N, C-alpha and C. Protein backbone atom coordinates (compact mmCIF):
# COMPACT_ATOMS: atom_id res chain seq x y z
N MET A 1 0.84 -1.18 0.00
CA MET A 1 0.00 0.00 0.00
C MET A 1 0.89 1.24 0.00
N THR A 2 0.46 2.23 -0.72
CA THR A 2 1.18 3.50 -0.77
C THR A 2 0.25 4.60 -0.27
N TRP A 3 0.82 5.58 0.39
CA TRP A 3 0.04 6.64 1.00
C TRP A 3 0.21 7.93 0.21
N CYS A 4 -0.90 8.58 -0.11
CA CYS A 4 -0.88 9.88 -0.76
C CYS A 4 -1.17 10.93 0.30
N GLY A 5 -0.19 11.80 0.54
CA GLY A 5 -0.34 12.84 1.56
C GLY A 5 -1.35 13.91 1.17
N GLN A 6 -1.46 14.20 -0.11
CA GLN A 6 -2.42 15.24 -0.54
C GLN A 6 -3.86 14.76 -0.40
N CYS A 7 -4.10 13.51 -0.72
CA CYS A 7 -5.47 12.97 -0.67
C CYS A 7 -5.80 12.37 0.69
N ASP A 8 -4.79 12.14 1.54
CA ASP A 8 -4.96 11.44 2.82
C ASP A 8 -5.61 10.08 2.63
N ARG A 9 -5.11 9.33 1.65
CA ARG A 9 -5.63 8.00 1.36
C ARG A 9 -4.47 7.08 1.04
N ASP A 10 -4.69 5.79 1.21
CA ASP A 10 -3.70 4.81 0.76
C ASP A 10 -4.27 4.07 -0.44
N PHE A 11 -3.36 3.71 -1.35
CA PHE A 11 -3.74 3.05 -2.59
C PHE A 11 -2.90 1.81 -2.78
N ASP A 12 -3.49 0.79 -3.36
CA ASP A 12 -2.75 -0.41 -3.74
C ASP A 12 -1.88 -0.06 -4.94
N ILE A 13 -0.72 -0.70 -5.04
CA ILE A 13 0.21 -0.41 -6.14
C ILE A 13 -0.47 -0.63 -7.49
N GLY A 14 -1.34 -1.61 -7.60
CA GLY A 14 -2.02 -1.89 -8.87
C GLY A 14 -2.98 -0.80 -9.30
N LEU A 15 -3.40 0.06 -8.38
CA LEU A 15 -4.33 1.13 -8.72
C LEU A 15 -3.64 2.40 -9.17
N LEU A 16 -2.33 2.47 -9.04
CA LEU A 16 -1.60 3.68 -9.43
C LEU A 16 -1.63 3.85 -10.93
N GLY A 17 -1.42 5.05 -11.38
CA GLY A 17 -1.38 5.34 -12.81
C GLY A 17 -0.17 4.69 -13.46
N GLU A 18 -0.07 4.82 -14.79
CA GLU A 18 1.04 4.20 -15.53
C GLU A 18 2.39 4.75 -15.11
N ASP A 19 2.43 6.00 -14.66
CA ASP A 19 3.68 6.62 -14.24
C ASP A 19 3.94 6.45 -12.74
N GLY A 20 3.07 5.75 -12.03
CA GLY A 20 3.23 5.55 -10.59
C GLY A 20 2.59 6.65 -9.77
N GLY A 21 1.72 7.44 -10.38
CA GLY A 21 1.08 8.55 -9.69
C GLY A 21 -0.24 8.16 -9.05
N CYS A 22 -0.67 9.01 -8.12
CA CYS A 22 -1.94 8.83 -7.44
C CYS A 22 -3.08 8.89 -8.46
N PRO A 23 -4.05 7.98 -8.39
CA PRO A 23 -5.14 8.00 -9.37
C PRO A 23 -6.07 9.21 -9.20
N VAL A 24 -6.02 9.88 -8.04
CA VAL A 24 -6.92 11.02 -7.80
C VAL A 24 -6.23 12.34 -8.16
N CYS A 25 -5.07 12.60 -7.54
CA CYS A 25 -4.42 13.91 -7.73
C CYS A 25 -3.22 13.86 -8.67
N GLY A 26 -2.68 12.67 -8.96
CA GLY A 26 -1.56 12.55 -9.89
C GLY A 26 -0.18 12.66 -9.27
N GLN A 27 -0.09 12.89 -7.96
CA GLN A 27 1.22 12.99 -7.29
C GLN A 27 1.95 11.66 -7.39
N TRP A 28 3.27 11.72 -7.68
CA TRP A 28 4.06 10.49 -7.81
C TRP A 28 4.17 9.82 -6.45
N LEU A 29 3.87 8.52 -6.41
CA LEU A 29 3.88 7.78 -5.15
C LEU A 29 4.90 6.65 -5.15
N ALA A 30 5.04 5.92 -6.23
CA ALA A 30 5.92 4.76 -6.27
C ALA A 30 6.24 4.40 -7.71
N LYS A 31 7.22 3.52 -7.87
CA LYS A 31 7.52 3.00 -9.20
C LYS A 31 6.31 2.22 -9.70
N PRO A 32 5.99 2.35 -10.97
CA PRO A 32 4.85 1.58 -11.50
C PRO A 32 5.13 0.09 -11.42
N SER A 33 4.08 -0.68 -11.24
CA SER A 33 4.23 -2.13 -11.14
C SER A 33 4.64 -2.71 -12.49
N ARG A 34 5.39 -3.82 -12.43
CA ARG A 34 5.84 -4.48 -13.66
C ARG A 34 4.68 -5.07 -14.42
N GLY A 35 3.74 -5.61 -13.69
CA GLY A 35 2.57 -6.22 -14.32
C GLY A 35 2.91 -7.46 -15.12
N GLY A 36 2.13 -8.48 -14.98
CA GLY A 36 2.31 -9.67 -15.78
C GLY A 36 3.33 -10.66 -15.23
N SER A 37 4.05 -10.33 -14.17
CA SER A 37 5.01 -11.28 -13.64
C SER A 37 4.29 -12.30 -12.76
N VAL A 38 4.70 -13.53 -12.91
CA VAL A 38 4.07 -14.61 -12.15
C VAL A 38 5.05 -15.05 -11.07
N PRO A 39 4.60 -15.18 -9.82
CA PRO A 39 5.51 -15.60 -8.75
C PRO A 39 6.06 -17.01 -8.99
N TRP A 40 7.26 -17.24 -8.47
CA TRP A 40 7.93 -18.52 -8.71
C TRP A 40 7.14 -19.67 -8.12
N HIS A 41 6.46 -19.49 -6.98
CA HIS A 41 5.75 -20.61 -6.36
C HIS A 41 4.53 -21.03 -7.17
N PHE A 42 4.01 -20.17 -8.04
CA PHE A 42 2.95 -20.59 -8.94
C PHE A 42 3.45 -21.70 -9.85
N TRP A 43 4.68 -21.55 -10.38
CA TRP A 43 5.23 -22.55 -11.29
C TRP A 43 5.52 -23.86 -10.56
N VAL A 44 5.86 -23.79 -9.28
CA VAL A 44 6.08 -25.01 -8.49
C VAL A 44 4.76 -25.76 -8.35
N VAL A 45 3.69 -25.04 -8.03
CA VAL A 45 2.38 -25.68 -7.89
C VAL A 45 1.90 -26.23 -9.23
N ALA A 46 2.12 -25.47 -10.31
CA ALA A 46 1.69 -25.93 -11.63
C ALA A 46 2.44 -27.20 -12.04
N ALA A 47 3.75 -27.25 -11.78
CA ALA A 47 4.53 -28.45 -12.11
C ALA A 47 4.06 -29.64 -11.28
N GLY A 48 3.78 -29.41 -9.99
CA GLY A 48 3.28 -30.48 -9.14
C GLY A 48 1.94 -31.00 -9.63
N ALA A 49 1.06 -30.10 -10.06
CA ALA A 49 -0.25 -30.51 -10.56
C ALA A 49 -0.12 -31.33 -11.84
N VAL A 50 0.78 -30.91 -12.73
CA VAL A 50 0.99 -31.66 -13.97
C VAL A 50 1.52 -33.05 -13.68
N LEU A 51 2.49 -33.14 -12.78
CA LEU A 51 3.05 -34.46 -12.43
C LEU A 51 1.99 -35.35 -11.79
N TYR A 52 1.23 -34.80 -10.86
CA TYR A 52 0.19 -35.59 -10.18
C TYR A 52 -0.88 -36.06 -11.16
N LEU A 53 -1.38 -35.15 -11.99
CA LEU A 53 -2.44 -35.54 -12.93
C LEU A 53 -1.92 -36.51 -13.98
N GLY A 54 -0.66 -36.37 -14.39
CA GLY A 54 -0.07 -37.32 -15.33
C GLY A 54 0.01 -38.71 -14.72
N TRP A 55 0.44 -38.77 -13.46
CA TRP A 55 0.52 -40.06 -12.77
C TRP A 55 -0.85 -40.70 -12.62
N ARG A 56 -1.87 -39.89 -12.25
CA ARG A 56 -3.22 -40.43 -12.10
C ARG A 56 -3.78 -40.90 -13.45
N ALA A 57 -3.45 -40.21 -14.53
CA ALA A 57 -3.89 -40.64 -15.86
C ALA A 57 -3.25 -41.97 -16.22
N LEU A 58 -1.98 -42.13 -15.92
CA LEU A 58 -1.29 -43.39 -16.18
C LEU A 58 -1.92 -44.52 -15.37
N GLN A 59 -2.24 -44.25 -14.10
CA GLN A 59 -2.91 -45.26 -13.28
C GLN A 59 -4.28 -45.63 -13.87
N GLY A 60 -4.99 -44.64 -14.38
CA GLY A 60 -6.29 -44.92 -14.99
C GLY A 60 -6.17 -45.77 -16.24
N ILE A 61 -5.17 -45.49 -17.05
CA ILE A 61 -4.95 -46.28 -18.26
C ILE A 61 -4.59 -47.72 -17.89
N ILE A 62 -3.74 -47.89 -16.90
CA ILE A 62 -3.35 -49.24 -16.45
C ILE A 62 -4.59 -49.98 -15.93
N TRP A 63 -5.43 -49.31 -15.17
CA TRP A 63 -6.63 -49.94 -14.63
C TRP A 63 -7.57 -50.38 -15.76
N VAL A 64 -7.77 -49.54 -16.77
CA VAL A 64 -8.64 -49.88 -17.88
C VAL A 64 -8.10 -51.09 -18.63
N VAL A 65 -6.79 -51.11 -18.87
CA VAL A 65 -6.17 -52.24 -19.58
C VAL A 65 -6.34 -53.53 -18.77
N GLN A 66 -6.19 -53.47 -17.45
CA GLN A 66 -6.38 -54.67 -16.60
C GLN A 66 -7.83 -55.14 -16.63
N GLN A 67 -8.78 -54.24 -16.73
CA GLN A 67 -10.19 -54.64 -16.77
C GLN A 67 -10.55 -55.29 -18.10
N ILE A 68 -9.89 -54.86 -19.16
CA ILE A 68 -10.15 -55.44 -20.48
C ILE A 68 -9.55 -56.84 -20.59
N ILE A 69 -8.37 -57.01 -20.07
CA ILE A 69 -7.67 -58.31 -20.20
C ILE A 69 -8.24 -59.29 -19.26
């Protein structure tokens, strides 16, 4: 959160203008957010989900083949 002294309000970084200014009065508050960056732990969870679902799919295929034979 960033604080604007002129407006006496705090704003989330994502609400700031493109130049990092206050959305109400335009005073510069912070560096603009990079936007679009994904945290590293998202990729860890995504990789874990892919591995888990791949393993469960393999188990399902093996089960179907055993039921047919």
